[in-house]
Amino acid sequence: MSAKKAALIAAQVEDTLREPTLMEGLASRAQEPPKPGDIVEGPVIALDRARLYIDIAPWGTGVIFGREYLNAREVIKRTNVGDRIAAKVLEINTKDGYIELSLKEARQAILWAEAEEAVKNKTQFDLVVKEANKGGLILEWQGIAGFLPASQLKPEHYPRVLDGDKDKILDELRKLVGEKLAVSLIGAAPKEGKLIFSEKGVDDKEKKELIASYQVGDVVSGEITGMVDFGVFVKLEEGLEGLVHISEIDWGLVDDPRHFFKVGEKVKVKIIDIKEGKVSLSVKQLKENPWQTAGEKYKKGDKVEGVVIKFNKHGALASIEEGIAGLVHISEFGSDEKLRGNLELGKRYPFTISLFDPKEMRMALAFSGDKK
């Protein structure tokens, strides 16, 4: 750097370190001095190939140099004396008496603050899908990569793979790469560097108009358009789908929705909830609830027969009639191995009802047979 340019920079910097006027002195006492981590803003007063100086009145001069200068060189190339820029305070007192700043860290802090505000305000963005993985999609917002879980996709974009094969799901998700989706931020974790997006809940005027013609309690006809592990999608009309959650398919145990329906099948459903643009449906509520009459048939202490329909970490589920099942607890046998040695899936065994609460649809069974 030439002696003339160095002298000019020194003069400009010295000018910012002048004795404060009375008004500036009052202002300084009314404010707290910046501390590391704070975002400050001011005009650029000088710059050369290795340093950029910012006037941080009334506290003095900030400087960006060394690694921070290199990290921000692309921004600095487009910066001129007089431009106002924001920077993050790294150190208050350098050996030269300046306040050390970072442009890159300031930009990140400002962006994360904007992200948190977007989550709060449910701001909508149109973003291009960059990548896909088995769990969902990768999007980019303001240079920050974010994740859109498959569960947060709208029904028309959800990968409906009949056998739930993860590789096939990935193939379906990859078809969305390059497409622009209307999404909102539902999570922002600056410390972890994570953004979470959702395609659900984004304003859709046309869809809202369609939903307005339906009410909770309506019984309507629809067509099965897709099946997933957690339920089935039903098209109510063109442009509007609802979900029958796995828990609303039948009063009995439902392990796999695919055992109950086929894509293209016509089905009657009851609308049980309409919320945030989502329509929740039920098939089982159009059938008689077997627990309503079970109280007239059974009571605690009754001897019954039941078919083992499922094993879980607590024991075995046994059905004494369609839709009425109770838990045979593992503690009766001492271990999972002994429980499975005495009870086989699909076989009928004698039990005693040890707990019966039809209002809460709860029942516990004690094994009455001979243990091995």
Foldseek 3Di string as FASTA:
>chain_A
DDPVLVVVVVVQQVVLVDDDDPVLVVVPVVDDDDDAFDKAKAFFRDDDPFKTWGRRPPLGIEMEGDPLCVVCVVVVVVHDGGDMAMWGFHACQDVVRHTYTHRVVNVLVVVLVVQVVQLVVQDKDWWAFAAAALQATWTDDPNQIEGEGLVQEDPVLRQFDPVQDSVSNRVSRRVRHGPIAIWGWNDGDSVVSYTYIHSALPDDPVLVVVCVVDDAFDKAKFFFAGFDQQFTWTDRDVPDIATEGQPQEALADDRGCSVPDDGGDMAIWGFHDADSSHTYIHRHVVDDQPLVCVVVVDDAFDKAKWAFADADPQATWTARDVNQIAGAGPVLQPDRVQRCVFHPHGDMFIWGWHDDDSVVSYTHTYGDDDGD
